[in-house]
Each structure stands twice: as C-alpha cells, then as structure tokens.
C-alpha atoms as a PDB file:
ATOM      1  CA  MET A   1       0.000   0.000   0.000  1.00  0.00           C
ATOM      2  CA  PRO A   2       1.172   3.562  -0.659  1.00  0.00           C
ATOM      3  CA  ALA A   3       2.580   5.453   2.315  1.00  0.00           C
ATOM      4  CA  PRO A   4       0.236   7.979   3.926  1.00  0.00           C
ATOM      5  CA  ALA A   5       0.238  11.460   2.424  1.00  0.00           C
ATOM      6  CA  GLU A   6       2.421  14.118   4.032  1.00  0.00           C
ATOM      7  CA  THR A   7       1.513  17.750   4.435  1.00  0.00           C
ATOM      8  CA  ILE A   8       4.341  20.261   4.267  1.00  0.00           C
ATOM      9  CA  GLU A   9       4.334  24.007   4.790  1.00  0.00           C
ATOM     10  CA  VAL A  10       5.807  26.004   1.919  1.00  0.00           C
ATOM     11  CA  ALA A  11       5.755  29.799   1.559  1.00  0.00           C
ATOM     12  CA  GLY A  12       3.113  30.010   4.262  1.00  0.00           C
ATOM     13  CA  ARG A  13       0.855  27.496   2.516  1.00  0.00           C
ATOM     14  CA  GLU A  14       0.120  23.843   3.083  1.00  0.00           C
ATOM     15  CA  VAL A  15       0.925  21.423   0.259  1.00  0.00           C
ATOM     16  CA  ARG A  16      -0.227  17.820   0.457  1.00  0.00           C
ATOM     17  CA  VAL A  17       2.231  15.264  -0.942  1.00  0.00           C
ATOM     18  CA  THR A  18       0.455  12.047  -1.850  1.00  0.00           C
ATOM     19  CA  ASN A  19       2.299   8.729  -2.092  1.00  0.00           C
ATOM     20  CA  PRO A  20       5.547  10.411  -0.945  1.00  0.00           C
ATOM     21  CA  GLY A  21       7.623   7.224  -1.179  1.00  0.00           C
ATOM     22  CA  LYS A  22       6.862   6.593  -4.849  1.00  0.00           C
ATOM     23  CA  VAL A  23      10.148   6.156  -6.737  1.00  0.00           C
ATOM     24  CA  PHE A  24      10.588   8.431  -9.747  1.00  0.00           C
ATOM     25  CA  PHE A  25      14.300   7.801 -10.418  1.00  0.00           C
ATOM     26  CA  PRO A  26      15.046   4.114  -9.782  1.00  0.00           C
ATOM     27  CA  GLU A  27      18.810   4.316 -10.415  1.00  0.00           C
ATOM     28  CA  PRO A  28      19.553   6.722  -7.519  1.00  0.00           C
ATOM     29  CA  GLY A  29      16.324   5.771  -5.682  1.00  0.00           C
ATOM     30  CA  ILE A  30      14.792   9.252  -5.720  1.00  0.00           C
ATOM     31  CA  THR A  31      11.196   9.483  -4.501  1.00  0.00           C
ATOM     32  CA  LYS A  32       8.436  12.033  -4.935  1.00  0.00           C
ATOM     33  CA  LEU A  33       9.172  13.443  -1.478  1.00  0.00           C
ATOM     34  CA  ASP A  34      12.859  13.748  -2.410  1.00  0.00           C
ATOM     35  CA  ILE A  35      11.806  15.805  -5.445  1.00  0.00           C
ATOM     36  CA  VAL A  36       9.653  18.099  -3.318  1.00  0.00           C
ATOM     37  CA  ARG A  37      12.460  18.524  -0.781  1.00  0.00           C
ATOM     38  CA  TYR A  38      14.940  19.338  -3.535  1.00  0.00           C
ATOM     39  CA  TYR A  39      12.737  22.172  -4.750  1.00  0.00           C
ATOM     40  CA  LEU A  40      12.406  23.446  -1.186  1.00  0.00           C
ATOM     41  CA  ASP A  41      16.209  23.434  -0.866  1.00  0.00           C
ATOM     42  CA  VAL A  42      16.623  25.611  -3.983  1.00  0.00           C
ATOM     43  CA  ALA A  43      13.290  27.410  -3.662  1.00  0.00           C
ATOM     44  CA  GLU A  44      14.445  31.016  -3.977  1.00  0.00           C
ATOM     45  CA  ALA A  45      16.584  30.281  -7.049  1.00  0.00           C
ATOM     46  CA  ALA A  46      13.997  28.031  -8.726  1.00  0.00           C
ATOM     47  CA  VAL A  47      11.220  30.579  -8.248  1.00  0.00           C
ATOM     48  CA  ARG A  48      13.439  33.315  -9.710  1.00  0.00           C
ATOM     49  CA  GLY A  49      13.670  31.417 -12.991  1.00  0.00           C
ATOM     50  CA  ALA A  50       9.902  31.036 -13.399  1.00  0.00           C
ATOM     51  CA  HIS A  51       8.341  33.734 -11.222  1.00  0.00           C
ATOM     52  CA  ASN A  52       4.893  34.933 -12.285  1.00  0.00           C
ATOM     53  CA  ARG A  53       5.112  33.001 -15.547  1.00  0.00           C
ATOM     54  CA  PRO A  54       2.313  30.799 -16.944  1.00  0.00           C
ATOM     55  CA  THR A  55       3.680  27.276 -16.915  1.00  0.00           C
ATOM     56  CA  SER A  56       2.950  23.994 -18.663  1.00  0.00           C
ATOM     57  CA  LEU A  57       2.729  20.904 -16.481  1.00  0.00           C
ATOM     58  CA  TYR A  58       5.077  18.217 -17.801  1.00  0.00           C
ATOM     59  CA  ARG A  59       3.887  15.196 -15.865  1.00  0.00           C
ATOM     60  CA  TRP A  60       5.761  11.911 -15.344  1.00  0.00           C
ATOM     61  CA  PRO A  61       3.223   9.940 -13.293  1.00  0.00           C
ATOM     62  CA  ASN A  62       5.240   6.712 -13.331  1.00  0.00           C
ATOM     63  CA  GLY A  63       8.755   8.082 -13.237  1.00  0.00           C
ATOM     64  CA  VAL A  64      11.571   8.374 -15.740  1.00  0.00           C
ATOM     65  CA  GLU A  65      11.523   4.710 -16.739  1.00  0.00           C
ATOM     66  CA  ALA A  66       7.986   5.090 -18.125  1.00  0.00           C
ATOM     67  CA  PRO A  67       8.430   7.817 -20.780  1.00  0.00           C
ATOM     68  CA  ASP A  68       5.362   6.651 -22.713  1.00  0.00           C
ATOM     69  CA  ASP A  69       3.216   7.684 -19.747  1.00  0.00           C
ATOM     70  CA  ALA A  70       4.590  11.238 -19.627  1.00  0.00           C
ATOM     71  CA  PHE A  71       2.460  14.062 -20.997  1.00  0.00           C
ATOM     72  CA  PHE A  72       2.219  17.851 -21.221  1.00  0.00           C
ATOM     73  CA  GLN A  73      -0.822  19.416 -19.581  1.00  0.00           C
ATOM     74  CA  LYS A  74      -1.346  23.055 -20.443  1.00  0.00           C
ATOM     75  CA  ARG A  75      -4.558  23.597 -18.519  1.00  0.00           C
ATOM     76  CA  ALA A  76      -4.279  23.742 -14.751  1.00  0.00           C
ATOM     77  CA  PRO A  77      -6.400  20.961 -13.262  1.00  0.00           C
ATOM     78  CA  VAL A  78      -9.591  22.078 -11.544  1.00  0.00           C
ATOM     79  CA  LYS A  79     -10.162  19.031  -9.361  1.00  0.00           C
ATOM     80  CA  GLY A  80      -8.120  19.181  -6.182  1.00  0.00           C
ATOM     81  CA  ARG A  81      -6.834  22.689  -6.929  1.00  0.00           C
ATOM     82  CA  PRO A  82      -6.087  24.700  -3.772  1.00  0.00           C
ATOM     83  CA  GLU A  83      -7.794  28.064  -3.409  1.00  0.00           C
ATOM     84  CA  TRP A  84      -4.459  29.874  -3.412  1.00  0.00           C
ATOM     85  CA  LEU A  85      -3.293  28.537  -6.780  1.00  0.00           C
ATOM     86  CA  GLU A  86      -2.617  31.402  -9.201  1.00  0.00           C
ATOM     87  CA  THR A  87      -3.428  31.079 -12.889  1.00  0.00           C
ATOM     88  CA  ALA A  88      -3.519  33.121 -16.094  1.00  0.00           C
ATOM     89  CA  THR A  89      -5.454  32.654 -19.328  1.00  0.00           C
ATOM     90  CA  VAL A  90      -3.109  32.418 -22.299  1.00  0.00           C
ATOM     91  CA  HIS A  91      -3.873  32.259 -26.017  1.00  0.00           C
ATOM     92  CA  PHE A  92      -2.203  29.810 -28.383  1.00  0.00           C
ATOM     93  CA  PRO A  93      -1.338  30.184 -32.096  1.00  0.00           C
ATOM     94  CA  SER A  94      -4.355  27.966 -32.888  1.00  0.00           C
ATOM     95  CA  GLY A  95      -6.672  30.598 -31.443  1.00  0.00           C
ATOM     96  CA  ARG A  96      -7.545  28.449 -28.447  1.00  0.00           C
ATOM     97  CA  SER A  97      -6.916  29.518 -24.883  1.00  0.00           C
ATOM     98  CA  ALA A  98      -6.225  27.849 -21.565  1.00  0.00           C
ATOM     99  CA  GLU A  99      -6.051  28.721 -17.895  1.00  0.00           C
ATOM    100  CA  MET A 100      -2.475  27.875 -16.944  1.00  0.00           C
ATOM    101  CA  LEU A 101      -0.754  27.653 -13.582  1.00  0.00           C
ATOM    102  CA  VAL A 102       1.421  30.659 -12.711  1.00  0.00           C
ATOM    103  CA  VAL A 103       4.519  30.080 -10.568  1.00  0.00           C
ATOM    104  CA  ALA A 104       3.840  32.653  -7.846  1.00  0.00           C
ATOM    105  CA  ASP A 105       5.996  31.075  -5.125  1.00  0.00           C
ATOM    106  CA  ALA A 106       7.646  27.838  -3.986  1.00  0.00           C
ATOM    107  CA  ALA A 107       4.292  26.362  -2.909  1.00  0.00           C
ATOM    108  CA  HIS A 108       3.237  26.316  -6.560  1.00  0.00           C
ATOM    109  CA  ILE A 109       6.377  24.390  -7.508  1.00  0.00           C
ATOM    110  CA  ALA A 110       5.828  21.894  -4.681  1.00  0.00           C
ATOM    111  CA  TRP A 111       2.219  21.459  -5.809  1.00  0.00           C
ATOM    112  CA  MET A 112       3.441  20.766  -9.356  1.00  0.00           C
ATOM    113  CA  ALA A 113       5.949  18.218  -8.046  1.00  0.00           C
ATOM    114  CA  ASN A 114       3.132  16.373  -6.288  1.00  0.00           C
ATOM    115  CA  LEU A 115       1.455  15.992  -9.699  1.00  0.00           C
ATOM    116  CA  GLY A 116       4.584  14.248 -10.989  1.00  0.00           C
ATOM    117  CA  CYS A 117       6.098  17.309 -12.681  1.00  0.00           C
ATOM    118  CA  LEU A 118       9.882  16.993 -12.727  1.00  0.00           C
ATOM    119  CA  ASP A 119      10.924  20.096 -14.639  1.00  0.00           C
ATOM    120  CA  ILE A 120       9.321  23.534 -14.773  1.00  0.00           C
ATOM    121  CA  ASN A 121       8.304  24.794 -18.230  1.00  0.00           C
ATOM    122  CA  PRO A 122       7.333  28.478 -18.104  1.00  0.00           C
ATOM    123  CA  TRP A 123       6.439  30.846 -20.902  1.00  0.00           C
ATOM    124  CA  PRO A 124       8.852  33.780 -21.459  1.00  0.00           C
ATOM    125  CA  VAL A 125       6.194  36.270 -20.311  1.00  0.00           C
ATOM    126  CA  ARG A 126       4.863  37.469 -16.967  1.00  0.00           C
ATOM    127  CA  LYS A 127       1.294  37.232 -15.744  1.00  0.00           C
ATOM    128  CA  ASP A 128       0.736  40.999 -16.068  1.00  0.00           C
ATOM    129  CA  ASP A 129       1.735  41.092 -19.758  1.00  0.00           C
ATOM    130  CA  LEU A 130       1.122  37.835 -21.604  1.00  0.00           C
ATOM    131  CA  ASP A 131       1.835  39.122 -25.103  1.00  0.00           C
ATOM    132  CA  HIS A 132       5.273  40.701 -24.715  1.00  0.00           C
ATOM    133  CA  PRO A 133       8.153  38.383 -23.725  1.00  0.00           C
ATOM    134  CA  ASP A 134      10.680  39.647 -21.210  1.00  0.00           C
ATOM    135  CA  GLU A 135      13.128  36.858 -21.987  1.00  0.00           C
ATOM    136  CA  LEU A 136      15.039  35.876 -25.124  1.00  0.00           C
ATOM    137  CA  ARG A 137      15.883  32.160 -24.969  1.00  0.00           C
ATOM    138  CA  ILE A 138      18.905  30.580 -26.594  1.00  0.00           C
ATOM    139  CA  ASP A 139      18.838  26.787 -26.821  1.00  0.00           C
ATOM    140  CA  LEU A 140      22.057  25.116 -27.998  1.00  0.00           C
ATOM    141  CA  ASP A 141      21.076  21.595 -28.985  1.00  0.00           C
ATOM    142  CA  PRO A 142      23.778  19.228 -30.307  1.00  0.00           C
ATOM    143  CA  THR A 143      22.850  16.893 -33.144  1.00  0.00           C
ATOM    144  CA  PRO A 144      23.553  13.163 -32.627  1.00  0.00           C
ATOM    145  CA  GLY A 145      27.223  12.293 -32.193  1.00  0.00           C
ATOM    146  CA  ILE A 146      28.365  15.861 -31.494  1.00  0.00           C
ATOM    147  CA  PRO A 147      30.659  16.123 -28.440  1.00  0.00           C
ATOM    148  CA  PHE A 148      29.691  18.378 -25.565  1.00  0.00           C
ATOM    149  CA  GLU A 149      32.932  20.279 -26.106  1.00  0.00           C
ATOM    150  CA  HIS A 150      31.367  21.760 -29.258  1.00  0.00           C
ATOM    151  CA  VAL A 151      28.350  22.901 -27.248  1.00  0.00           C
ATOM    152  CA  ARG A 152      30.676  24.700 -24.850  1.00  0.00           C
ATOM    153  CA  GLN A 153      32.475  26.366 -27.768  1.00  0.00           C
ATOM    154  CA  VAL A 154      29.243  27.563 -29.352  1.00  0.00           C
ATOM    155  CA  ALA A 155      28.051  28.875 -25.972  1.00  0.00           C
ATOM    156  CA  LEU A 156      31.170  31.018 -25.682  1.00  0.00           C
ATOM    157  CA  ILE A 157      30.643  32.327 -29.215  1.00  0.00           C
ATOM    158  CA  ALA A 158      27.050  33.148 -28.241  1.00  0.00           C
ATOM    159  CA  HIS A 159      28.445  35.082 -25.283  1.00  0.00           C
ATOM    160  CA  GLU A 160      30.579  37.168 -27.654  1.00  0.00           C
ATOM    161  CA  VAL A 161      27.609  37.901 -29.921  1.00  0.00           C
ATOM    162  CA  LEU A 162      25.448  38.929 -26.959  1.00  0.00           C
ATOM    163  CA  SER A 163      28.178  41.251 -25.681  1.00  0.00           C
ATOM    164  CA  ASP A 164      28.456  42.838 -29.144  1.00  0.00           C
ATOM    165  CA  GLN A 165      24.696  43.413 -29.071  1.00  0.00           C
ATOM    166  CA  ARG A 166      24.879  44.916 -25.566  1.00  0.00           C
ATOM    167  CA  LEU A 167      22.889  42.085 -24.021  1.00  0.00           C
ATOM    168  CA  THR A 168      23.627  40.020 -20.925  1.00  0.00           C
ATOM    169  CA  GLY A 169      23.236  36.261 -21.142  1.00  0.00           C
ATOM    170  CA  TRP A 170      22.876  33.861 -18.229  1.00  0.00           C
ATOM    171  CA  PRO A 171      24.036  30.338 -19.138  1.00  0.00           C
ATOM    172  CA  LYS A 172      22.821  27.090 -17.645  1.00  0.00           C
ATOM    173  CA  THR A 173      23.192  23.448 -18.487  1.00  0.00           C
ATOM    174  CA  SER A 174      20.090  22.050 -20.149  1.00  0.00           C
ATOM    175  CA  GLY A 175      20.244  18.993 -17.924  1.00  0.00           C
ATOM    176  CA  LYS A 176      20.526  16.824 -21.009  1.00  0.00           C
ATOM    177  CA  ARG A 177      23.032  17.335 -23.846  1.00  0.00           C
ATOM    178  CA  GLY A 178      22.898  21.079 -24.399  1.00  0.00           C
ATOM    179  CA  ILE A 179      23.290  24.528 -22.892  1.00  0.00           C
ATOM    180  CA  HIS A 180      20.625  27.204 -22.487  1.00  0.00           C
ATOM    181  CA  ILE A 181      21.257  30.937 -22.274  1.00  0.00           C
ATOM    182  CA  ASN A 182      18.521  33.225 -20.945  1.00  0.00           C
ATOM    183  CA  VAL A 183      18.548  36.929 -21.744  1.00  0.00           C
ATOM    184  CA  ARG A 184      16.227  39.288 -19.917  1.00  0.00           C
ATOM    185  CA  ILE A 185      14.759  41.921 -22.253  1.00  0.00           C
ATOM    186  CA  GLU A 186      12.360  44.808 -21.937  1.00  0.00           C
ATOM    187  CA  PRO A 187       8.788  43.552 -22.590  1.00  0.00           C
ATOM    188  CA  GLU A 188       8.176  45.883 -25.513  1.00  0.00           C
ATOM    189  CA  HIS A 189       7.869  43.524 -28.506  1.00  0.00           C
ATOM    190  CA  PRO A 190       5.397  40.773 -29.464  1.00  0.00           C
ATOM    191  CA  PHE A 191       6.498  37.150 -29.836  1.00  0.00           C
ATOM    192  CA  THR A 192       7.007  37.454 -33.604  1.00  0.00           C
ATOM    193  CA  THR A 193       9.495  40.299 -33.177  1.00  0.00           C
ATOM    194  CA  VAL A 194      11.398  38.549 -30.398  1.00  0.00           C
ATOM    195  CA  ARG A 195      11.637  35.441 -32.569  1.00  0.00           C
ATOM    196  CA  LEU A 196      12.908  37.591 -35.466  1.00  0.00           C
ATOM    197  CA  ALA A 197      15.685  38.863 -33.174  1.00  0.00           C
ATOM    198  CA  ALA A 198      16.423  35.250 -32.168  1.00  0.00           C
ATOM    199  CA  VAL A 199      16.786  34.244 -35.828  1.00  0.00           C
ATOM    200  CA  ALA A 200      19.240  37.083 -36.435  1.00  0.00           C
ATOM    201  CA  PHE A 201      21.191  36.125 -33.330  1.00  0.00           C
ATOM    202  CA  ALA A 202      21.342  32.451 -34.335  1.00  0.00           C
ATOM    203  CA  ARG A 203      22.565  33.302 -37.838  1.00  0.00           C
ATOM    204  CA  GLU A 204      25.311  35.515 -36.433  1.00  0.00           C
ATOM    205  CA  VAL A 205      26.469  32.694 -34.145  1.00  0.00           C
ATOM    206  CA  GLU A 206      26.442  30.346 -37.132  1.00  0.00           C
ATOM    207  CA  ARG A 207      28.576  32.762 -39.153  1.00  0.00           C
ATOM    208  CA  ARG A 208      31.192  32.996 -36.414  1.00  0.00           C
ATOM    209  CA  ALA A 209      31.245  29.329 -35.404  1.00  0.00           C
ATOM    210  CA  GLY A 210      33.291  27.951 -38.287  1.00  0.00           C
ATOM    211  CA  GLY A 211      30.972  25.085 -39.144  1.00  0.00           C
ATOM    212  CA  ILE A 212      30.237  23.722 -35.667  1.00  0.00           C
ATOM    213  CA  ALA A 213      26.894  25.544 -35.313  1.00  0.00           C
ATOM    214  CA  THR A 214      23.815  25.495 -37.527  1.00  0.00           C
ATOM    215  CA  THR A 215      20.449  27.214 -37.914  1.00  0.00           C
ATOM    216  CA  ALA A 216      19.113  24.533 -40.282  1.00  0.00           C
ATOM    217  CA  TRP A 217      15.565  23.769 -39.119  1.00  0.00           C
ATOM    218  CA  TRP A 218      15.190  20.481 -40.986  1.00  0.00           C
ATOM    219  CA  LYS A 219      16.959  17.643 -39.181  1.00  0.00           C
ATOM    220  CA  GLU A 220      18.259  16.124 -42.406  1.00  0.00           C
ATOM    221  CA  GLU A 221      20.232  19.334 -43.015  1.00  0.00           C
ATOM    222  CA  ARG A 222      21.532  19.878 -39.492  1.00  0.00           C
ATOM    223  CA  HIS A 223      25.094  19.404 -38.370  1.00  0.00           C
ATOM    224  CA  GLY A 224      26.996  20.362 -35.247  1.00  0.00           C
ATOM    225  CA  VAL A 225      25.127  22.382 -32.617  1.00  0.00           C
ATOM    226  CA  PHE A 226      21.660  23.597 -33.555  1.00  0.00           C
ATOM    227  CA  VAL A 227      20.850  27.133 -32.361  1.00  0.00           C
ATOM    228  CA  ASP A 228      17.108  26.707 -31.904  1.00  0.00           C
ATOM    229  CA  TYR A 229      15.610  30.124 -32.615  1.00  0.00           C
ATOM    230  CA  ASN A 230      12.079  28.690 -32.613  1.00  0.00           C
ATOM    231  CA  GLN A 231      12.166  28.312 -28.842  1.00  0.00           C
ATOM    232  CA  ASN A 232      11.120  31.967 -28.956  1.00  0.00           C
ATOM    233  CA  ALA A 233       7.888  31.316 -30.839  1.00  0.00           C
ATOM    234  CA  ARG A 234       4.645  31.679 -28.918  1.00  0.00           C
ATOM    235  CA  ASP A 235       3.692  28.591 -26.867  1.00  0.00           C
ATOM    236  CA  ARG A 236       7.217  27.119 -26.898  1.00  0.00           C
ATOM    237  CA  THR A 237       8.772  26.451 -23.515  1.00  0.00           C
ATOM    238  CA  VAL A 238      12.202  25.517 -22.165  1.00  0.00           C
ATOM    239  CA  ALA A 239      12.962  23.908 -18.809  1.00  0.00           C
ATOM    240  CA  SER A 240      13.705  26.738 -16.394  1.00  0.00           C
ATOM    241  CA  ALA A 241      16.596  27.195 -13.987  1.00  0.00           C
ATOM    242  CA  TYR A 242      17.022  24.438 -11.391  1.00  0.00           C
ATOM    243  CA  SER A 243      14.546  22.150 -13.116  1.00  0.00           C
ATOM    244  CA  ILE A 244      15.007  18.418 -12.595  1.00  0.00           C
ATOM    245  CA  ARG A 245      15.306  16.750 -15.987  1.00  0.00           C
ATOM    246  CA  PRO A 246      13.786  13.343 -16.807  1.00  0.00           C
ATOM    247  CA  VAL A 247      17.061  11.464 -17.211  1.00  0.00           C
ATOM    248  CA  SER A 248      18.165   8.480 -15.150  1.00  0.00           C
ATOM    249  CA  ASP A 249      20.630  10.312 -12.903  1.00  0.00           C
ATOM    250  CA  ALA A 250      18.270  13.247 -12.123  1.00  0.00           C
ATOM    251  CA  ARG A 251      20.394  15.979 -13.683  1.00  0.00           C
ATOM    252  CA  ILE A 252      19.520  19.591 -13.120  1.00  0.00           C
ATOM    253  CA  SER A 253      19.242  22.429 -15.595  1.00  0.00           C
ATOM    254  CA  CYS A 254      21.706  24.382 -13.513  1.00  0.00           C
ATOM    255  CA  PRO A 255      22.807  28.016 -13.910  1.00  0.00           C
ATOM    256  CA  ILE A 256      26.572  28.426 -14.199  1.00  0.00           C
ATOM    257  CA  THR A 257      28.916  31.380 -14.596  1.00  0.00           C
ATOM    258  CA  TRP A 258      30.569  32.210 -17.902  1.00  0.00           C
ATOM    259  CA  ASP A 259      33.886  31.258 -16.345  1.00  0.00           C
ATOM    260  CA  GLU A 260      32.518  27.751 -15.765  1.00  0.00           C
ATOM    261  CA  VAL A 261      31.235  27.161 -19.297  1.00  0.00           C
ATOM    262  CA  ALA A 262      34.532  25.939 -20.781  1.00  0.00           C
ATOM    263  CA  ASP A 263      34.856  23.094 -18.274  1.00  0.00           C
ATOM    264  CA  VAL A 264      31.327  22.317 -17.091  1.00  0.00           C
ATOM    265  CA  GLU A 265      30.299  18.663 -16.946  1.00  0.00           C
ATOM    266  CA  PRO A 266      26.490  18.305 -16.858  1.00  0.00           C
ATOM    267  CA  GLU A 267      26.613  14.888 -15.204  1.00  0.00           C
ATOM    268  CA  GLY A 268      28.097  16.518 -12.113  1.00  0.00           C
ATOM    269  CA  LEU A 269      25.025  18.715 -11.591  1.00  0.00           C
ATOM    270  CA  THR A 270      22.299  16.505 -10.153  1.00  0.00           C
ATOM    271  CA  LEU A 271      19.513  16.571  -7.592  1.00  0.00           C
ATOM    272  CA  GLU A 272      22.017  15.327  -5.036  1.00  0.00           C
ATOM    273  CA  THR A 273      24.791  17.879  -5.733  1.00  0.00           C
ATOM    274  CA  VAL A 274      23.066  21.121  -6.755  1.00  0.00           C
ATOM    275  CA  PRO A 275      21.540  22.068  -3.363  1.00  0.00           C
ATOM    276  CA  GLY A 276      25.037  22.046  -1.833  1.00  0.00           C
ATOM    277  CA  ARG A 277      26.344  24.111  -4.732  1.00  0.00           C
ATOM    278  CA  VAL A 278      23.632  26.725  -4.171  1.00  0.00           C
ATOM    279  CA  ARG A 279      24.319  26.810  -0.426  1.00  0.00           C
ATOM    280  CA  ASP A 280      28.071  27.200  -0.956  1.00  0.00           C
ATOM    281  CA  LYS A 281      28.210  29.420  -4.036  1.00  0.00           C
ATOM    282  CA  GLY A 282      24.771  30.978  -4.311  1.00  0.00           C
ATOM    283  CA  ASP A 283      22.651  31.161  -7.446  1.00  0.00           C
ATOM    284  CA  ALA A 284      24.793  31.868 -10.516  1.00  0.00           C
ATOM    285  CA  ALA A 285      21.754  33.614 -12.058  1.00  0.00           C
ATOM    286  CA  ALA A 286      20.927  35.738  -9.009  1.00  0.00           C
ATOM    287  CA  GLY A 287      21.389  38.996 -10.932  1.00  0.00           C
ATOM    288  CA  ILE A 288      19.279  38.110 -13.953  1.00  0.00           C
ATOM    289  CA  ASP A 289      16.282  40.332 -13.145  1.00  0.00           C
ATOM    290  CA  ALA A 290      18.502  43.406 -12.863  1.00  0.00           C
ATOM    291  CA  ALA A 291      20.049  42.934 -16.304  1.00  0.00           C
ATOM    292  CA  SER A 292      17.235  43.718 -18.703  1.00  0.00           C
ATOM    293  CA  GLY A 293      18.313  44.770 -22.199  1.00  0.00           C
ATOM    294  CA  ARG A 294      16.762  45.839 -25.498  1.00  0.00           C
ATOM    295  CA  LEU A 295      16.602  44.112 -28.883  1.00  0.00           C
ATOM    296  CA  ASP A 296      17.274  47.165 -31.077  1.00  0.00           C
ATOM    297  CA  SER A 297      20.714  45.999 -32.201  1.00  0.00           C
ATOM    298  CA  LEU A 298      19.560  42.466 -33.018  1.00  0.00           C
ATOM    299  CA  LEU A 299      16.563  43.799 -34.936  1.00  0.00           C
ATOM    300  CA  GLU A 300      18.915  46.004 -36.957  1.00  0.00           C
ATOM    301  CA  LEU A 301      20.959  42.876 -37.693  1.00  0.00           C
ATOM    302  CA  ALA A 302      17.754  41.166 -38.833  1.00  0.00           C
ATOM    303  CA  ARG A 303      17.044  44.062 -41.209  1.00  0.00           C
ATOM    304  CA  ARG A 304      20.551  43.785 -42.668  1.00  0.00           C
ATOM    305  CA  ASP A 305      20.105  40.056 -43.195  1.00  0.00           C
ATOM    306  CA  LYS A 306      16.816  40.658 -44.996  1.00  0.00           C
ATOM    307  CA  ASN A 307      18.356  43.337 -47.227  1.00  0.00           C
ATOM    308  CA  GLU A 308      21.073  40.838 -48.143  1.00  0.00           C
ATOM    309  CA  GLY A 309      18.471  38.323 -49.313  1.00  0.00           C
ATOM    310  CA  LEU A 310      17.897  36.155 -46.235  1.00  0.00           C
ATOM    311  CA  SER A 311      14.224  35.281 -45.835  1.00  0.00           C
ATOM    312  CA  ASP A 312      12.541  34.295 -42.593  1.00  0.00           C
ATOM    313  CA  ALA A 313      13.572  30.932 -41.133  1.00  0.00           C
ATOM    314  CA  PRO A 314      11.054  28.061 -41.022  1.00  0.00           C
ATOM    315  CA  TRP A 315       8.471  28.034 -38.253  1.00  0.00           C
ATOM    316  CA  PRO A 316       7.268  24.972 -36.301  1.00  0.00           C
ATOM    317  CA  PRO A 317       4.625  23.006 -38.223  1.00  0.00           C
ATOM    318  CA  HIS A 318       1.570  24.015 -36.152  1.00  0.00           C
ATOM    319  CA  PHE A 319       2.099  27.742 -36.774  1.00  0.00           C
ATOM    320  CA  ALA A 320       0.416  29.669 -39.569  1.00  0.00           C
ATOM    321  CA  LYS A 321       2.527  30.154 -42.696  1.00  0.00           C
ATOM    322  CA  GLU A 322       4.320  33.502 -42.604  1.00  0.00           C
ATOM    323  CA  GLN A 323       4.621  35.751 -45.670  1.00  0.00           C
ATOM    324  CA  ASP A 324       8.439  35.788 -45.766  1.00  0.00           C
ATOM    325  CA  GLU A 325       8.872  32.150 -44.746  1.00  0.00           C
ATOM    326  CA  PRO A 326      10.546  29.679 -47.148  1.00  0.00           C
ATOM    327  CA  VAL A 327       8.761  26.561 -48.402  1.00  0.00           C
ATOM    328  CA  ARG A 328       7.710  24.544 -45.358  1.00  0.00           C
ATOM    329  CA  ALA A 329       8.694  21.062 -46.472  1.00  0.00           C
ATOM    330  CA  GLN A 330      11.706  18.867 -45.881  1.00  0.00           C
ATOM    331  CA  PRO A 331      14.365  19.433 -48.574  1.00  0.00           C
ATOM    332  CA  SER A 332      14.266  15.763 -49.621  1.00  0.00           C
ATOM    333  CA  ARG A 333      10.494  15.965 -50.184  1.00  0.00           C
ATOM    334  CA  ARG A 334      10.892  19.131 -52.207  1.00  0.00           C
ATOM    335  CA  LYS A 335      13.347  17.369 -54.510  1.00  0.00           C
ATOM    336  CA  LYS A 336      10.941  14.458 -55.038  1.00  0.00           C
ATOM    337  CA  GLN A 337       8.113  16.825 -55.913  1.00  0.00           C
ATOM    338  CA  SER A 338      10.167  18.886 -58.387  1.00  0.00           C
END
C-alpha cells in the first residue's frame, strides 16, 4: 500500500504530498518526497527562474523509466486545486486559450511536483503582460554524435555575440546534452518580433562558429550544434533554472557562470549535488532580473540580413505560414516533388 500522504508548509501554505515514497528515479532511488524537498532546498533560485510566468505541467506519473506515460498538460487541473493557486489565461497560435498555472511562489512548484512534474516549463512572459516576452531564450542543442565540447564552444561564441549586441546572457546546463542561455529583455515587442531577433542572433552565431553551429531547421540538413531560434515562438517552452530533468541520474538544468562554461560537466550537476552548490556558491543567475536589455541591435541585424536576401527561417509546423517564410517542407520531399 502507498505510504500515507504528508503535508508540508511552503511559503506560508500547506501542500499535500500524496504517495511520498513513490520512486521516480530508480537508479539513484529518488522518490516524490525527495523531489519536493529538492525544490524546497533551492526554492528562492527556482522561483526566480519562473516567477509569475504561466507554466505547462510536464507530468511523469510513473517516473523516468515510463516515458510513454509522460504528458504535457497546459490547462491547470480544476479538481483538487487549492484556493491559493494562481493562474492566467493564455492564447495559443491555434486561437484556443487555456487557464495555466502561474509560478507565484515555492508552494506552486511543490504542488506541481506532487502531480509528478519533474521540470518547470514556463512561458517567457509574466502574468501581467502575456503578449510581450521579457526573456530571449537561446537553446544550444547538439545533433547526434556531437561532443559536448562543441556545445561549450558555441556557448562562448554566443556570449561574444550577446556582448556585441549589448545584451547580458545567463548560461545554464540544459540537464541533457545542451546549454541554455537566458537573456532578460524589456517587454516591448510581441512574440514574432522577439523570434525575429532570435533568428538574427542564431545566424550571427552560425557565421562565427566555423561550421560547428547550424540554424538549419530540418533535421536532415543539421550538423553540429543547432541554435534553436524557434524556442522563442509563442507557446514554446524551455525547462527553467534548477529544473530536474527526466534522465536516469536526475540531472539539473543548472545556472553556471561564464567562467565555468569551458569546463562544465552536466553529469556533475544533479539533484544530489546542486543544493550544496547553491548553499556554498549561491545562485549563478541571481542577478538576472537586474540585467534587462533591449533588442534594437539584433533587430537592426535582422534588417541587414533581410536586405542581403535572407528570408525568414522556417516556423514549427503548427504555426500559420508567414509571408516571408521559405517553403515549409523537408528538402528531400521538395526534390521528389520537383
């Protein structure tokens, strides 16, 4: 029989943890209660990464060894919802809308963990302005067979590009094979404009990277480290800072300093090691909210690219076709049709 539920106090609220002994990570033996306690240990830092942001629930009800049971839930459940749970109604590219959970404090994260959510997947907007992102997101995703050393190299090139554009980036391990860089920006542009800036940024990184980075959207054309500009499209989310990732050793998407990028080893940043790191060194992204920049320089770069003949980059398949977008079909299929 499951162990009795435990009630814990978080941020002045009571959160009920059901089946606390259920194992979610069999290899290290990590239980649901261990997951909740981890988030309490890093609460201030984890909330900083997702504060007041509408958030998708990525649920792993039977742990990391049952990936077929995992699912994204955009709508906050109504049944069993505590009165204090904060939500916001967001609108998707399809025209539909949903009432989504908003990470207001650590109690909200603990409540998510009780639902089997391992990582936190917030939108790049705040509850008080759902249409203007305040974060540019850079996702460096290596293609199969690419060594992590190349990801580190591309991250450092991205740092140079951001500095040239007068923007401050905050790197973190993805918790899997890549590196994320978050850039706080003034919430003055819609999603389409922020994505346009992300495309220009990605192309500039590609130009400087000497063949180890790519902006090719179609997987059959990719090589090296993919700079995923489409993570800035509306309704796309990235695991936020201090998220537990669904891999066997419970790695964390952990903020690091730029000085650490060249030597970081993601496998050393886990649920068991990161709380001690935060206690000893603090949150490497503690200053992120005080470093808001503007996209003017990147948007000027986008205009130069367009004047030189570069069209828009492909969008994800469920988005409406854009006027300046190239043919939305895999290159191999285009050749067969021609």
